[in-house]
Amino acid sequence: MVVVFEAYAGLARRVLAGPARLGRTRLVAVDGPSGAGKTVFAARLADALAGATPEATRPPVVHTDDLLDGWDDQLTFWERLEEQVLTPVRAERPGAYRRYSWVRRRFLPTPVPVPVAPVLIVEGVSAARTAAVASLTLAVFVTAPQPLRLDRAVARDGPAILPELRRWHVTERAHFAADGTEARADLVVEGAPVLPHAAERYYCRRG
């Protein structure tokens, strides 16, 4: 496997030079299995995009985990994302969604605004699914070895989630196989590179 380190700044310029397909917004989907490093990648790309625009404005980042109605909504949340976020932004109107509390196990009452911006990043499992392709400027697939992904998730959320997490991994594997997400992605990122590098500035692309 060939891996290449590339700068987030260069990727930000690539996104801004790409076509806007969600109204006037460039939609970036950061997909991949649980624990691969999607959230970190999305945050660092958002920081790079803020530094690449004259306004120094950080693009909104929507995490699909915030839209799930619990563990059983792993892949069926999409209509909620489309209705509350993508459709308004496509029409050049602000979107808003209610964030799910995994502690209280319900959606919180205060809406989270999603402004119309040059770039919108959607991060989470199935974010780059086939249904999103026509609206995407860039599809990213972040991956990492399964044992490491499991360890990361347990370190973050505790061992009590293991039964649900194992079921989640089975479902996401089946989804990615059926959807062909990784093969269709514009960019495949190694979420656990072993070579030393300045991780805030560079990501590891699989060639």
N, C-alpha and C. Protein backbone atom coordinates (compact mmCIF):
# COMPACT_ATOMS: atom_id res chain seq x y z
N MET A 1 0.84 -1.19 0.00
CA MET A 1 0.00 0.00 0.00
C MET A 1 0.87 1.24 0.00
N VAL A 2 0.61 2.14 -0.90
CA VAL A 2 1.33 3.41 -0.98
C VAL A 2 0.59 4.46 -0.17
N VAL A 3 1.34 5.17 0.70
CA VAL A 3 0.74 6.26 1.47
C VAL A 3 1.53 7.54 1.21
N VAL A 4 0.83 8.65 1.15
CA VAL A 4 1.44 9.94 0.86
C VAL A 4 0.91 10.96 1.87
N PHE A 5 1.80 11.75 2.43
CA PHE A 5 1.37 12.82 3.33
C PHE A 5 1.08 14.08 2.51
N GLU A 6 -0.09 14.65 2.74
CA GLU A 6 -0.49 15.85 2.04
C GLU A 6 -0.99 16.88 3.04
N ALA A 7 -0.92 18.15 2.68
CA ALA A 7 -1.27 19.22 3.60
C ALA A 7 -2.77 19.49 3.58
N TYR A 8 -3.34 19.71 4.76
CA TYR A 8 -4.74 20.13 4.84
C TYR A 8 -4.95 21.44 4.08
N ALA A 9 -3.96 22.31 4.09
CA ALA A 9 -4.09 23.59 3.39
C ALA A 9 -4.30 23.37 1.90
N GLY A 10 -3.58 22.42 1.33
CA GLY A 10 -3.77 22.11 -0.09
C GLY A 10 -5.13 21.53 -0.37
N LEU A 11 -5.61 20.68 0.53
CA LEU A 11 -6.94 20.10 0.36
C LEU A 11 -8.01 21.19 0.48
N ALA A 12 -7.81 22.14 1.37
CA ALA A 12 -8.76 23.25 1.50
C ALA A 12 -8.84 24.03 0.19
N ARG A 13 -7.71 24.29 -0.43
CA ARG A 13 -7.72 25.00 -1.71
C ARG A 13 -8.43 24.18 -2.78
N ARG A 14 -8.24 22.86 -2.75
CA ARG A 14 -8.92 21.98 -3.71
C ARG A 14 -10.43 22.07 -3.53
N VAL A 15 -10.89 22.06 -2.29
CA VAL A 15 -12.33 22.14 -2.03
C VAL A 15 -12.88 23.47 -2.54
N LEU A 16 -12.21 24.57 -2.23
CA LEU A 16 -12.71 25.89 -2.61
C LEU A 16 -12.68 26.09 -4.12
N ALA A 17 -11.79 25.38 -4.80
CA ALA A 17 -11.74 25.47 -6.27
C ALA A 17 -12.74 24.54 -6.94
N GLY A 18 -13.34 23.66 -6.17
CA GLY A 18 -14.27 22.69 -6.75
C GLY A 18 -15.65 23.29 -6.98
N PRO A 19 -16.49 22.57 -7.70
CA PRO A 19 -17.84 23.07 -8.00
C PRO A 19 -18.77 22.99 -6.79
N ALA A 20 -19.60 24.00 -6.65
CA ALA A 20 -20.64 23.98 -5.62
C ALA A 20 -21.85 23.22 -6.17
N ARG A 21 -22.24 22.17 -5.50
CA ARG A 21 -23.34 21.32 -5.99
C ARG A 21 -24.52 21.27 -5.02
N LEU A 22 -24.38 21.92 -3.88
CA LEU A 22 -25.49 22.03 -2.93
C LEU A 22 -25.89 23.51 -2.91
N GLY A 23 -26.67 23.91 -3.92
CA GLY A 23 -26.90 25.33 -4.11
C GLY A 23 -25.58 26.00 -4.42
N ARG A 24 -25.22 26.99 -3.64
CA ARG A 24 -23.93 27.66 -3.82
C ARG A 24 -22.89 27.16 -2.82
N THR A 25 -23.20 26.07 -2.15
CA THR A 25 -22.33 25.52 -1.11
C THR A 25 -21.59 24.29 -1.61
N ARG A 26 -20.33 24.18 -1.22
CA ARG A 26 -19.53 23.00 -1.53
C ARG A 26 -19.68 22.03 -0.35
N LEU A 27 -20.27 20.89 -0.62
CA LEU A 27 -20.52 19.90 0.42
C LEU A 27 -19.38 18.88 0.45
N VAL A 28 -18.76 18.74 1.61
CA VAL A 28 -17.71 17.75 1.83
C VAL A 28 -18.25 16.70 2.80
N ALA A 29 -18.20 15.43 2.40
CA ALA A 29 -18.62 14.33 3.26
C ALA A 29 -17.38 13.60 3.75
N VAL A 30 -17.27 13.45 5.07
CA VAL A 30 -16.17 12.70 5.67
C VAL A 30 -16.77 11.42 6.26
N ASP A 31 -16.57 10.33 5.56
CA ASP A 31 -17.19 9.05 5.87
C ASP A 31 -16.12 8.08 6.37
N GLY A 32 -16.57 6.91 6.76
CA GLY A 32 -15.65 5.86 7.21
C GLY A 32 -16.19 5.18 8.45
N PRO A 33 -15.59 4.09 8.85
CA PRO A 33 -16.10 3.32 10.00
C PRO A 33 -15.88 4.04 11.32
N SER A 34 -16.60 3.60 12.32
CA SER A 34 -16.50 4.17 13.66
C SER A 34 -15.08 4.07 14.20
N GLY A 35 -14.58 5.17 14.79
CA GLY A 35 -13.27 5.17 15.41
C GLY A 35 -12.11 5.33 14.46
N ALA A 36 -12.38 5.59 13.18
CA ALA A 36 -11.29 5.69 12.21
C ALA A 36 -10.55 7.02 12.28
N GLY A 37 -11.19 8.06 12.80
CA GLY A 37 -10.56 9.37 12.87
C GLY A 37 -11.28 10.43 12.06
N LYS A 38 -12.55 10.19 11.74
CA LYS A 38 -13.32 11.12 10.91
C LYS A 38 -13.49 12.49 11.56
N THR A 39 -13.80 12.49 12.85
CA THR A 39 -14.07 13.75 13.54
C THR A 39 -12.83 14.64 13.57
N VAL A 40 -11.69 14.04 13.86
CA VAL A 40 -10.43 14.81 13.88
C VAL A 40 -10.11 15.33 12.48
N PHE A 41 -10.26 14.49 11.47
CA PHE A 41 -9.99 14.91 10.10
C PHE A 41 -10.90 16.08 9.71
N ALA A 42 -12.18 15.97 10.01
CA ALA A 42 -13.13 17.03 9.65
C ALA A 42 -12.78 18.34 10.34
N ALA A 43 -12.38 18.27 11.61
CA ALA A 43 -12.03 19.48 12.36
C ALA A 43 -10.79 20.14 11.77
N ARG A 44 -9.79 19.35 11.42
CA ARG A 44 -8.56 19.92 10.87
C ARG A 44 -8.79 20.49 9.47
N LEU A 45 -9.64 19.86 8.69
CA LEU A 45 -9.96 20.41 7.38
C LEU A 45 -10.73 21.72 7.54
N ALA A 46 -11.66 21.77 8.50
CA ALA A 46 -12.41 23.00 8.75
C ALA A 46 -11.47 24.13 9.16
N ASP A 47 -10.48 23.83 9.99
CA ASP A 47 -9.50 24.85 10.38
C ASP A 47 -8.71 25.34 9.17
N ALA A 48 -8.33 24.40 8.30
CA ALA A 48 -7.58 24.78 7.10
C ALA A 48 -8.42 25.63 6.16
N LEU A 49 -9.70 25.30 6.05
CA LEU A 49 -10.60 26.09 5.20
C LEU A 49 -10.78 27.50 5.76
N ALA A 50 -10.81 27.62 7.08
CA ALA A 50 -10.91 28.95 7.69
C ALA A 50 -9.69 29.79 7.33
N GLY A 51 -8.52 29.16 7.29
CA GLY A 51 -7.30 29.89 6.95
C GLY A 51 -7.13 30.15 5.47
N ALA A 52 -7.97 29.52 4.64
CA ALA A 52 -7.83 29.65 3.19
C ALA A 52 -8.79 30.66 2.59
N THR A 53 -9.65 31.26 3.42
CA THR A 53 -10.63 32.22 2.91
C THR A 53 -10.31 33.61 3.43
N PRO A 54 -10.54 34.64 2.63
CA PRO A 54 -10.26 36.01 3.08
C PRO A 54 -11.02 36.38 4.35
N GLU A 55 -12.22 35.83 4.53
CA GLU A 55 -13.03 36.15 5.70
C GLU A 55 -12.56 35.39 6.95
N ALA A 56 -11.67 34.40 6.75
CA ALA A 56 -11.20 33.55 7.86
C ALA A 56 -12.37 32.95 8.62
N THR A 57 -13.36 32.48 7.87
CA THR A 57 -14.56 31.90 8.47
C THR A 57 -14.48 30.38 8.46
N ARG A 58 -14.67 29.79 9.63
CA ARG A 58 -14.63 28.33 9.72
C ARG A 58 -15.97 27.76 9.24
N PRO A 59 -15.95 26.80 8.33
CA PRO A 59 -17.21 26.26 7.82
C PRO A 59 -17.96 25.46 8.88
N PRO A 60 -19.28 25.41 8.79
CA PRO A 60 -20.03 24.57 9.72
C PRO A 60 -19.70 23.09 9.51
N VAL A 61 -19.65 22.35 10.60
CA VAL A 61 -19.43 20.90 10.57
C VAL A 61 -20.62 20.23 11.25
N VAL A 62 -21.31 19.37 10.52
CA VAL A 62 -22.44 18.63 11.07
C VAL A 62 -21.99 17.19 11.30
N HIS A 63 -22.14 16.72 12.54
CA HIS A 63 -21.78 15.34 12.89
C HIS A 63 -23.04 14.50 12.86
N THR A 64 -23.05 13.46 12.05
CA THR A 64 -24.27 12.67 11.92
C THR A 64 -24.67 11.99 13.22
N ASP A 65 -23.70 11.72 14.13
CA ASP A 65 -24.04 11.14 15.43
C ASP A 65 -25.02 12.03 16.20
N ASP A 66 -24.98 13.34 15.92
CA ASP A 66 -25.89 14.26 16.61
C ASP A 66 -27.31 14.18 16.06
N LEU A 67 -27.48 13.51 14.93
CA LEU A 67 -28.79 13.42 14.30
C LEU A 67 -29.45 12.06 14.50
N LEU A 68 -28.71 11.11 15.06
CA LEU A 68 -29.24 9.76 15.22
C LEU A 68 -30.22 9.70 16.39
N ASP A 69 -31.29 8.97 16.21
CA ASP A 69 -32.25 8.73 17.28
C ASP A 69 -31.87 7.44 17.99
N GLY A 70 -30.67 7.44 18.59
CA GLY A 70 -30.18 6.26 19.30
C GLY A 70 -29.45 5.28 18.39
N TRP A 71 -29.04 4.16 18.96
CA TRP A 71 -28.23 3.17 18.26
C TRP A 71 -28.94 2.56 17.05
N ASP A 72 -30.25 2.43 17.11
CA ASP A 72 -30.98 1.76 16.03
C ASP A 72 -31.18 2.65 14.80
N ASP A 73 -30.78 3.91 14.89
CA ASP A 73 -30.95 4.86 13.79
C ASP A 73 -29.65 5.05 13.01
N GLN A 74 -28.81 4.04 13.03
CA GLN A 74 -27.46 4.14 12.47
C GLN A 74 -27.44 4.61 11.02
N LEU A 75 -28.35 4.11 10.20
CA LEU A 75 -28.35 4.44 8.78
C LEU A 75 -29.64 5.09 8.31
N THR A 76 -30.65 5.11 9.16
CA THR A 76 -31.98 5.57 8.74
C THR A 76 -32.25 7.03 9.09
N PHE A 77 -31.22 7.74 9.55
CA PHE A 77 -31.36 9.15 9.92
C PHE A 77 -31.38 10.08 8.71
N TRP A 78 -31.07 9.55 7.52
CA TRP A 78 -30.75 10.41 6.38
C TRP A 78 -31.86 11.39 6.02
N GLU A 79 -33.10 10.95 6.10
CA GLU A 79 -34.21 11.85 5.78
C GLU A 79 -34.20 13.07 6.71
N ARG A 80 -33.82 12.88 7.96
CA ARG A 80 -33.74 13.98 8.91
C ARG A 80 -32.65 14.97 8.48
N LEU A 81 -31.49 14.46 8.09
CA LEU A 81 -30.41 15.33 7.61
C LEU A 81 -30.83 16.08 6.35
N GLU A 82 -31.44 15.38 5.43
CA GLU A 82 -31.87 15.99 4.17
C GLU A 82 -32.89 17.10 4.43
N GLU A 83 -33.88 16.80 5.24
CA GLU A 83 -34.97 17.77 5.48
C GLU A 83 -34.50 18.98 6.26
N GLN A 84 -33.68 18.76 7.30
CA GLN A 84 -33.35 19.84 8.22
C GLN A 84 -32.11 20.63 7.83
N VAL A 85 -31.22 20.00 7.05
CA VAL A 85 -29.95 20.66 6.74
C VAL A 85 -29.74 20.82 5.23
N LEU A 86 -29.71 19.71 4.51
CA LEU A 86 -29.30 19.77 3.11
C LEU A 86 -30.31 20.52 2.24
N THR A 87 -31.59 20.26 2.41
CA THR A 87 -32.60 20.92 1.57
C THR A 87 -32.61 22.43 1.78
N PRO A 88 -32.62 22.94 3.02
CA PRO A 88 -32.55 24.39 3.18
C PRO A 88 -31.28 25.01 2.61
N VAL A 89 -30.13 24.40 2.86
CA VAL A 89 -28.87 24.96 2.35
C VAL A 89 -28.85 24.93 0.83
N ARG A 90 -29.40 23.87 0.24
CA ARG A 90 -29.48 23.80 -1.22
C ARG A 90 -30.30 24.97 -1.77
N ALA A 91 -31.31 25.39 -1.03
CA ALA A 91 -32.16 26.51 -1.43
C ALA A 91 -31.60 27.85 -0.94
N GLU A 92 -30.37 27.82 -0.43
CA GLU A 92 -29.67 29.01 0.07
C GLU A 92 -30.38 29.62 1.27
N ARG A 93 -30.93 28.73 2.11
CA ARG A 93 -31.53 29.14 3.37
C ARG A 93 -30.82 28.42 4.51
N PRO A 94 -30.70 29.06 5.67
CA PRO A 94 -30.06 28.37 6.81
C PRO A 94 -30.85 27.13 7.22
N GLY A 95 -30.14 26.12 7.63
CA GLY A 95 -30.77 24.93 8.17
C GLY A 95 -30.66 24.93 9.69
N ALA A 96 -31.25 23.95 10.33
CA ALA A 96 -31.15 23.79 11.78
C ALA A 96 -31.59 22.38 12.14
N TYR A 97 -30.97 21.80 13.14
CA TYR A 97 -31.35 20.48 13.59
C TYR A 97 -31.28 20.44 15.11
N ARG A 98 -31.98 19.47 15.68
CA ARG A 98 -31.93 19.25 17.12
C ARG A 98 -30.93 18.14 17.41
N ARG A 99 -30.02 18.41 18.32
CA ARG A 99 -28.96 17.46 18.64
C ARG A 99 -29.49 16.37 19.58
N TYR A 100 -29.14 15.13 19.26
CA TYR A 100 -29.52 14.00 20.11
C TYR A 100 -28.57 13.90 21.29
N SER A 101 -29.11 13.74 22.51
CA SER A 101 -28.31 13.53 23.70
C SER A 101 -28.22 12.03 23.97
N TRP A 102 -27.01 11.49 23.89
CA TRP A 102 -26.82 10.07 24.13
C TRP A 102 -26.90 9.74 25.62
N VAL A 103 -26.84 10.76 26.46
CA VAL A 103 -27.00 10.55 27.90
C VAL A 103 -28.48 10.54 28.26
N ARG A 104 -29.23 11.54 27.76
CA ARG A 104 -30.66 11.63 28.07
C ARG A 104 -31.52 10.76 27.15
N ARG A 105 -30.91 10.32 26.06
CA ARG A 105 -31.59 9.46 25.07
C ARG A 105 -32.82 10.14 24.47
N ARG A 106 -32.64 11.38 24.10
CA ARG A 106 -33.69 12.13 23.42
C ARG A 106 -33.06 13.32 22.72
N PHE A 107 -33.81 13.90 21.78
CA PHE A 107 -33.34 15.10 21.11
C PHE A 107 -33.53 16.30 22.02
N LEU A 108 -32.54 17.18 22.07
CA LEU A 108 -32.60 18.37 22.89
C LEU A 108 -33.47 19.43 22.21
N PRO A 109 -34.12 20.29 22.98
CA PRO A 109 -35.09 21.22 22.38
C PRO A 109 -34.46 22.38 21.60
N THR A 110 -33.25 22.77 21.95
CA THR A 110 -32.64 23.94 21.31
C THR A 110 -32.07 23.56 19.95
N PRO A 111 -32.52 24.21 18.86
CA PRO A 111 -31.99 23.87 17.53
C PRO A 111 -30.55 24.35 17.35
N VAL A 112 -29.80 23.58 16.60
CA VAL A 112 -28.43 23.94 16.24
C VAL A 112 -28.46 24.55 14.84
N PRO A 113 -28.10 25.82 14.68
CA PRO A 113 -28.19 26.45 13.37
C PRO A 113 -27.09 25.97 12.43
N VAL A 114 -27.41 25.89 11.16
CA VAL A 114 -26.44 25.57 10.11
C VAL A 114 -26.51 26.68 9.08
N PRO A 115 -25.59 27.64 9.11
CA PRO A 115 -25.67 28.77 8.20
C PRO A 115 -25.31 28.37 6.77
N VAL A 116 -25.78 29.17 5.83
CA VAL A 116 -25.34 29.01 4.44
C VAL A 116 -23.92 29.54 4.35
N ALA A 117 -23.01 28.72 3.86
CA ALA A 117 -21.60 29.09 3.81
C ALA A 117 -20.99 28.53 2.53
N PRO A 118 -19.81 29.00 2.15
CA PRO A 118 -19.16 28.45 0.95
C PRO A 118 -18.92 26.95 1.02
N VAL A 119 -18.68 26.44 2.25
CA VAL A 119 -18.41 25.01 2.45
C VAL A 119 -19.22 24.51 3.64
N LEU A 120 -19.77 23.31 3.50
CA LEU A 120 -20.41 22.60 4.61
C LEU A 120 -19.77 21.22 4.69
N ILE A 121 -19.33 20.84 5.89
CA ILE A 121 -18.76 19.52 6.11
C ILE A 121 -19.76 18.67 6.89
N VAL A 122 -20.07 17.49 6.37
CA VAL A 122 -20.90 16.52 7.08
C VAL A 122 -20.02 15.32 7.39
N GLU A 123 -19.92 14.99 8.66
CA GLU A 123 -19.01 13.94 9.12
C GLU A 123 -19.78 12.84 9.80
N GLY A 124 -19.50 11.59 9.43
CA GLY A 124 -20.11 10.47 10.12
C GLY A 124 -20.29 9.27 9.22
N VAL A 125 -20.61 8.15 9.83
CA VAL A 125 -20.82 6.91 9.08
C VAL A 125 -21.96 7.08 8.08
N SER A 126 -21.69 6.84 6.84
CA SER A 126 -22.61 6.90 5.69
C SER A 126 -22.81 8.31 5.16
N ALA A 127 -21.98 9.28 5.58
CA ALA A 127 -22.12 10.66 5.10
C ALA A 127 -21.92 10.78 3.59
N ALA A 128 -21.11 9.88 3.02
CA ALA A 128 -20.84 9.92 1.58
C ALA A 128 -21.63 8.86 0.82
N ARG A 129 -22.76 8.45 1.36
CA ARG A 129 -23.58 7.40 0.75
C ARG A 129 -24.03 7.81 -0.65
N THR A 130 -24.48 6.85 -1.41
CA THR A 130 -24.88 7.08 -2.80
C THR A 130 -25.88 8.22 -2.93
N ALA A 131 -26.80 8.34 -1.99
CA ALA A 131 -27.83 9.39 -2.06
C ALA A 131 -27.24 10.79 -2.02
N ALA A 132 -26.01 10.93 -1.53
CA ALA A 132 -25.39 12.25 -1.42
C ALA A 132 -24.53 12.63 -2.62
N VAL A 133 -24.23 11.68 -3.48
CA VAL A 133 -23.20 11.87 -4.51
C VAL A 133 -23.46 13.10 -5.38
N ALA A 134 -24.68 13.31 -5.82
CA ALA A 134 -24.97 14.42 -6.72
C ALA A 134 -24.71 15.78 -6.09
N SER A 135 -24.70 15.85 -4.76
CA SER A 135 -24.53 17.12 -4.06
C SER A 135 -23.10 17.35 -3.58
N LEU A 136 -22.23 16.35 -3.74
CA LEU A 136 -20.90 16.41 -3.14
C LEU A 136 -19.87 17.11 -4.02
N THR A 137 -19.07 17.95 -3.39
CA THR A 137 -17.85 18.47 -4.01
C THR A 137 -16.68 17.54 -3.75
N LEU A 138 -16.67 16.93 -2.56
CA LEU A 138 -15.58 16.02 -2.19
C LEU A 138 -16.11 14.94 -1.25
N ALA A 139 -15.79 13.68 -1.56
CA ALA A 139 -16.12 12.55 -0.69
C ALA A 139 -14.82 11.98 -0.13
N VAL A 140 -14.71 11.96 1.20
CA VAL A 140 -13.52 11.45 1.90
C VAL A 140 -13.91 10.20 2.67
N PHE A 141 -13.07 9.19 2.60
CA PHE A 141 -13.28 7.96 3.37
C PHE A 141 -12.06 7.77 4.27
N VAL A 142 -12.28 7.80 5.59
CA VAL A 142 -11.20 7.64 6.57
C VAL A 142 -11.27 6.22 7.12
N THR A 143 -10.14 5.56 7.16
CA THR A 143 -10.12 4.17 7.60
C THR A 143 -8.98 3.93 8.58
N ALA A 144 -9.07 2.85 9.34
CA ALA A 144 -8.04 2.45 10.30
C ALA A 144 -8.29 1.00 10.67
N PRO A 145 -7.30 0.30 11.21
CA PRO A 145 -7.48 -1.11 11.59
C PRO A 145 -8.60 -1.28 12.62
N GLN A 146 -9.38 -2.35 12.48
CA GLN A 146 -10.55 -2.56 13.34
C GLN A 146 -10.20 -2.64 14.83
N PRO A 147 -9.14 -3.36 15.24
CA PRO A 147 -8.83 -3.39 16.68
C PRO A 147 -8.56 -2.01 17.26
N LEU A 148 -7.85 -1.18 16.50
CA LEU A 148 -7.56 0.18 16.97
C LEU A 148 -8.84 1.00 17.05
N ARG A 149 -9.71 0.85 16.07
CA ARG A 149 -10.97 1.59 16.08
C ARG A 149 -11.81 1.21 17.30
N LEU A 150 -11.82 -0.07 17.62
CA LEU A 150 -12.57 -0.53 18.78
C LEU A 150 -11.99 0.04 20.06
N ASP A 151 -10.66 0.02 20.17
CA ASP A 151 -9.99 0.56 21.36
C ASP A 151 -10.28 2.06 21.52
N ARG A 152 -10.26 2.78 20.42
CA ARG A 152 -10.54 4.23 20.48
C ARG A 152 -11.95 4.50 21.00
N ALA A 153 -12.90 3.75 20.48
CA ALA A 153 -14.30 3.96 20.87
C ALA A 153 -14.51 3.64 22.35
N VAL A 154 -13.89 2.55 22.82
CA VAL A 154 -14.04 2.17 24.22
C VAL A 154 -13.35 3.19 25.13
N ALA A 155 -12.19 3.69 24.71
CA ALA A 155 -11.49 4.71 25.50
C ALA A 155 -12.32 5.98 25.59
N ARG A 156 -13.05 6.28 24.53
CA ARG A 156 -13.85 7.51 24.49
C ARG A 156 -15.15 7.36 25.28
N ASP A 157 -15.84 6.22 25.13
CA ASP A 157 -17.20 6.10 25.65
C ASP A 157 -17.36 5.06 26.76
N GLY A 158 -16.32 4.28 27.02
CA GLY A 158 -16.40 3.30 28.10
C GLY A 158 -16.79 1.92 27.60
N PRO A 159 -16.43 0.87 28.36
CA PRO A 159 -16.67 -0.52 27.93
C PRO A 159 -18.15 -0.90 27.88
N ALA A 160 -19.02 -0.12 28.52
CA ALA A 160 -20.45 -0.47 28.52
C ALA A 160 -21.06 -0.43 27.13
N ILE A 161 -20.41 0.28 26.20
CA ILE A 161 -20.98 0.39 24.85
C ILE A 161 -20.61 -0.80 23.96
N LEU A 162 -19.78 -1.73 24.45
CA LEU A 162 -19.26 -2.79 23.59
C LEU A 162 -20.34 -3.61 22.87
N PRO A 163 -21.40 -4.06 23.53
CA PRO A 163 -22.41 -4.84 22.80
C PRO A 163 -23.02 -4.07 21.63
N GLU A 164 -23.39 -2.81 21.88
CA GLU A 164 -23.97 -2.00 20.81
C GLU A 164 -22.92 -1.69 19.75
N LEU A 165 -21.69 -1.45 20.19
CA LEU A 165 -20.65 -1.08 19.24
C LEU A 165 -20.32 -2.23 18.29
N ARG A 166 -20.29 -3.45 18.79
CA ARG A 166 -20.01 -4.60 17.93
C ARG A 166 -21.13 -4.77 16.90
N ARG A 167 -22.36 -4.55 17.32
CA ARG A 167 -23.48 -4.62 16.38
C ARG A 167 -23.37 -3.50 15.34
N TRP A 168 -22.97 -2.32 15.79
CA TRP A 168 -22.77 -1.17 14.91
C TRP A 168 -21.73 -1.49 13.84
N HIS A 169 -20.62 -2.12 14.25
CA HIS A 169 -19.55 -2.44 13.30
C HIS A 169 -20.03 -3.42 12.23
N VAL A 170 -20.83 -4.38 12.61
CA VAL A 170 -21.37 -5.32 11.63
C VAL A 170 -22.24 -4.59 10.61
N THR A 171 -23.09 -3.70 11.10
CA THR A 171 -24.00 -2.96 10.21
C THR A 171 -23.23 -2.04 9.28
N GLU A 172 -22.23 -1.34 9.79
CA GLU A 172 -21.49 -0.41 8.94
C GLU A 172 -20.68 -1.16 7.87
N ARG A 173 -20.12 -2.32 8.23
CA ARG A 173 -19.39 -3.10 7.23
C ARG A 173 -20.32 -3.51 6.09
N ALA A 174 -21.50 -3.96 6.44
CA ALA A 174 -22.47 -4.36 5.41
C ALA A 174 -22.87 -3.17 4.55
N HIS A 175 -23.04 -2.01 5.17
CA HIS A 175 -23.41 -0.81 4.41
C HIS A 175 -22.31 -0.43 3.43
N PHE A 176 -21.07 -0.37 3.91
CA PHE A 176 -19.97 0.05 3.03
C PHE A 176 -19.79 -0.92 1.87
N ALA A 177 -19.96 -2.22 2.13
CA ALA A 177 -19.84 -3.21 1.07
C ALA A 177 -20.92 -3.02 0.02
N ALA A 178 -22.15 -2.80 0.46
CA ALA A 178 -23.26 -2.64 -0.48
C ALA A 178 -23.20 -1.31 -1.21
N ASP A 179 -22.76 -0.28 -0.52
CA ASP A 179 -22.75 1.08 -1.09
C ASP A 179 -21.51 1.34 -1.95
N GLY A 180 -20.44 0.59 -1.74
CA GLY A 180 -19.20 0.85 -2.48
C GLY A 180 -18.57 2.18 -2.13
N THR A 181 -18.72 2.62 -0.90
CA THR A 181 -18.32 3.97 -0.50
C THR A 181 -16.83 4.22 -0.69
N GLU A 182 -16.00 3.32 -0.19
CA GLU A 182 -14.56 3.55 -0.25
C GLU A 182 -14.06 3.61 -1.69
N ALA A 183 -14.54 2.71 -2.53
CA ALA A 183 -14.10 2.68 -3.93
C ALA A 183 -14.52 3.93 -4.68
N ARG A 184 -15.63 4.53 -4.26
CA ARG A 184 -16.16 5.70 -4.95
C ARG A 184 -15.60 7.03 -4.42
N ALA A 185 -14.94 6.98 -3.26
CA ALA A 185 -14.47 8.20 -2.61
C ALA A 185 -13.42 8.91 -3.44
N ASP A 186 -13.41 10.22 -3.35
CA ASP A 186 -12.39 11.03 -4.02
C ASP A 186 -11.05 10.93 -3.32
N LEU A 187 -11.10 10.63 -2.03
CA LEU A 187 -9.89 10.63 -1.21
C LEU A 187 -10.05 9.59 -0.11
N VAL A 188 -9.10 8.67 0.00
CA VAL A 188 -9.09 7.68 1.08
C VAL A 188 -7.94 8.04 2.02
N VAL A 189 -8.25 8.21 3.30
CA VAL A 189 -7.30 8.70 4.29
C VAL A 189 -6.99 7.60 5.29
N GLU A 190 -5.72 7.44 5.60
CA GLU A 190 -5.28 6.52 6.64
C GLU A 190 -5.42 7.22 7.98
N GLY A 191 -6.35 6.76 8.79
CA GLY A 191 -6.63 7.41 10.07
C GLY A 191 -5.69 7.03 11.19
N ALA A 192 -4.73 6.14 10.92
CA ALA A 192 -3.77 5.73 11.95
C ALA A 192 -2.39 5.56 11.32
N PRO A 193 -1.84 6.63 10.76
CA PRO A 193 -0.52 6.50 10.13
C PRO A 193 0.56 6.22 11.16
N VAL A 194 1.53 5.39 10.79
CA VAL A 194 2.58 5.00 11.74
C VAL A 194 3.81 5.89 11.61
N LEU A 195 3.97 6.57 10.48
CA LEU A 195 5.13 7.43 10.30
C LEU A 195 4.92 8.75 11.03
N PRO A 196 5.98 9.29 11.65
CA PRO A 196 5.84 10.57 12.35
C PRO A 196 5.57 11.71 11.36
N HIS A 197 4.72 12.64 11.78
CA HIS A 197 4.40 13.79 10.93
C HIS A 197 3.70 14.84 11.78
N ALA A 198 3.59 16.03 11.25
CA ALA A 198 2.87 17.11 11.94
C ALA A 198 1.38 16.91 11.69
N ALA A 199 0.71 16.21 12.61
CA ALA A 199 -0.66 15.75 12.36
C ALA A 199 -1.65 16.90 12.20
N GLU A 200 -1.38 18.06 12.79
CA GLU A 200 -2.30 19.18 12.65
C GLU A 200 -2.27 19.77 11.25
N ARG A 201 -1.16 19.54 10.53
CA ARG A 201 -0.99 20.16 9.20
C ARG A 201 -1.12 19.16 8.05
N TYR A 202 -0.84 17.90 8.32
CA TYR A 202 -0.78 16.91 7.25
C TYR A 202 -1.66 15.69 7.57
N TYR A 203 -2.26 15.13 6.53
CA TYR A 203 -2.98 13.87 6.64
C TYR A 203 -2.30 12.86 5.74
N CYS A 204 -2.65 11.60 5.94
CA CYS A 204 -2.02 10.52 5.20
C CYS A 204 -2.99 9.95 4.18
N ARG A 205 -2.71 10.15 2.92
CA ARG A 205 -3.58 9.66 1.85
C ARG A 205 -3.10 8.30 1.39
N ARG A 206 -4.06 7.39 1.22
CA ARG A 206 -3.75 6.09 0.62
C ARG A 206 -3.75 6.22 -0.88
N GLY A 207 -2.70 5.73 -1.53
CA GLY A 207 -2.60 5.84 -2.97
C GLY A 207 -3.03 4.56 -3.64
